[in-house]
Each structure stands twice: as C-alpha cells, then as structure tokens.
Amino acid sequence: MAKSAMIHARTEIELKKEVEEIFAALGLSTTTALNLFFHQVRMRRGLPFSVEIPNEETLKAFNDSDAGKGIVECKSAKDMFRKLGI
C-alpha cells in the first residue's frame, strides 16, 4: 500500500534526538518505527504496552535510581550473582 498520509507532531528536541539514536541502533528510521507502532496498535486494537500510573513504591524506586541511590554496580555476571547471593 502506498504511503501518502503525513503526520505532523511536536515533541521535545532532546527526546526526539535520544529516540532517534535508539531507532538508529535498532536499524530503524523514525518513519519505520512509527509505522511499526501503528501496525501494532491496529493489530492489538490498542496500545502495544500497558499505560499505568506508577504506585508509590515504584515512584520511589524511579526517584532513587535517578538520584543514584541504592544502585549496586557489578563488574560481571559472576559478580552480580555473588552480590545477589545466587
């Protein structure tokens, strides 16, 4: 099917830049990624991911990790398993 519909949208400059870098790493153009998203919405008859308001515990975890709190750095998978006690 010919692609002839145009989509015009505004977004934050930095968000666009970061997302386009991710698309490039995945080998996708922004157009291809948007078409993939649209196909998934059509196929699922809704968003292809859950959209939820995070609970307090999750918000705390987000805020803590953004602030660098409670982060455990591991040098390897073996180091990670050791620190997890596995």
Protein backbone atom coordinates (compact mmCIF):
# COMPACT_ATOMS: atom_id res chain seq x y z
CA MET A 1 0.00 0.00 0.00
CA ALA A 2 1.32 3.42 -0.95
CA LYS A 3 2.33 5.67 1.92
CA SER A 4 0.73 9.03 1.32
CA ALA A 5 -0.60 10.28 4.68
CA MET A 6 1.55 12.79 6.52
CA ILE A 7 1.81 13.07 10.29
CA HIS A 8 2.91 16.34 11.86
CA ALA A 9 3.69 16.26 15.57
CA ARG A 10 5.70 18.33 18.01
CA THR A 11 7.94 16.88 20.67
CA GLU A 12 10.85 17.91 22.86
CA ILE A 13 14.10 18.37 20.95
CA GLU A 14 16.19 16.25 23.33
CA LEU A 15 13.56 13.47 23.46
CA LYS A 16 13.50 13.30 19.65
CA LYS A 17 17.29 13.16 19.49
CA GLU A 18 17.55 10.37 22.08
CA VAL A 19 14.76 8.31 20.50
CA GLU A 20 16.21 8.66 17.01
CA GLU A 21 19.58 7.40 18.33
CA ILE A 22 17.82 4.34 19.74
CA PHE A 23 15.99 3.76 16.45
CA ALA A 24 19.30 4.03 14.58
CA ALA A 25 20.91 1.47 16.90
CA LEU A 26 17.99 -0.84 16.09
CA GLY A 27 18.41 -0.21 12.37
CA LEU A 28 15.10 1.68 12.15
CA SER A 29 14.23 5.06 10.74
CA THR A 30 11.72 7.20 12.61
CA THR A 31 9.19 6.57 9.82
CA THR A 32 9.68 2.79 10.05
CA ALA A 33 9.38 2.87 13.85
CA LEU A 34 6.15 4.90 13.67
CA ASN A 35 4.72 2.54 11.05
CA LEU A 36 5.65 -0.42 13.26
CA PHE A 37 3.91 1.25 16.20
CA PHE A 38 0.79 1.98 14.11
CA HIS A 39 0.64 -1.65 12.86
CA GLN A 40 0.87 -2.91 16.43
CA VAL A 41 -1.91 -0.56 17.58
CA ARG A 42 -4.12 -1.78 14.73
CA MET A 43 -3.32 -5.44 15.36
CA ARG A 44 -3.90 -5.21 19.14
CA ARG A 45 -6.78 -2.73 18.87
CA GLY A 46 -5.00 -0.60 21.47
CA LEU A 47 -1.58 0.44 22.69
CA PRO A 48 1.06 -2.32 22.40
CA PHE A 49 2.17 -1.71 26.00
CA SER A 50 0.48 -1.04 29.28
CA VAL A 51 -0.05 2.55 30.39
CA GLU A 52 -0.32 2.84 34.12
CA ILE A 53 0.22 5.38 36.84
CA PRO A 54 3.12 4.05 38.98
CA ASN A 55 2.38 3.29 42.62
CA GLU A 56 4.32 4.96 45.45
CA GLU A 57 6.88 2.13 45.72
CA THR A 58 7.63 2.27 42.00
CA LEU A 59 7.85 6.08 42.03
CA LYS A 60 10.29 5.89 44.95
CA ALA A 61 12.42 3.38 43.02
CA PHE A 62 12.42 5.66 39.95
CA ASN A 63 13.38 8.69 42.02
CA ASP A 64 16.06 6.79 43.96
CA SER A 65 17.67 5.41 40.81
CA ASP A 66 17.57 8.84 39.14
CA ALA A 67 19.38 10.20 42.23
CA GLY A 68 21.89 7.32 42.17
CA LYS A 69 20.61 5.85 45.45
CA GLY A 70 20.59 2.11 46.07
CA ILE A 71 22.40 1.26 42.87
CA VAL A 72 24.70 -1.73 43.01
CA GLU A 73 27.32 -1.86 40.30
CA CYS A 74 28.64 -5.21 39.12
CA LYS A 75 31.78 -5.84 37.12
CA SER A 76 30.47 -9.05 35.56
CA ALA A 77 27.58 -11.51 35.64
CA LYS A 78 29.54 -13.60 38.14
CA ASP A 79 29.96 -10.54 40.37
CA MET A 80 26.23 -9.80 40.08
CA PHE A 81 25.23 -13.34 41.08
CA ARG A 82 27.65 -13.22 44.01
CA LYS A 83 26.15 -9.96 45.21
CA LEU A 84 22.65 -11.43 44.84
CA GLY A 85 23.70 -14.49 46.83
CA ILE A 86 22.92 -16.85 43.98
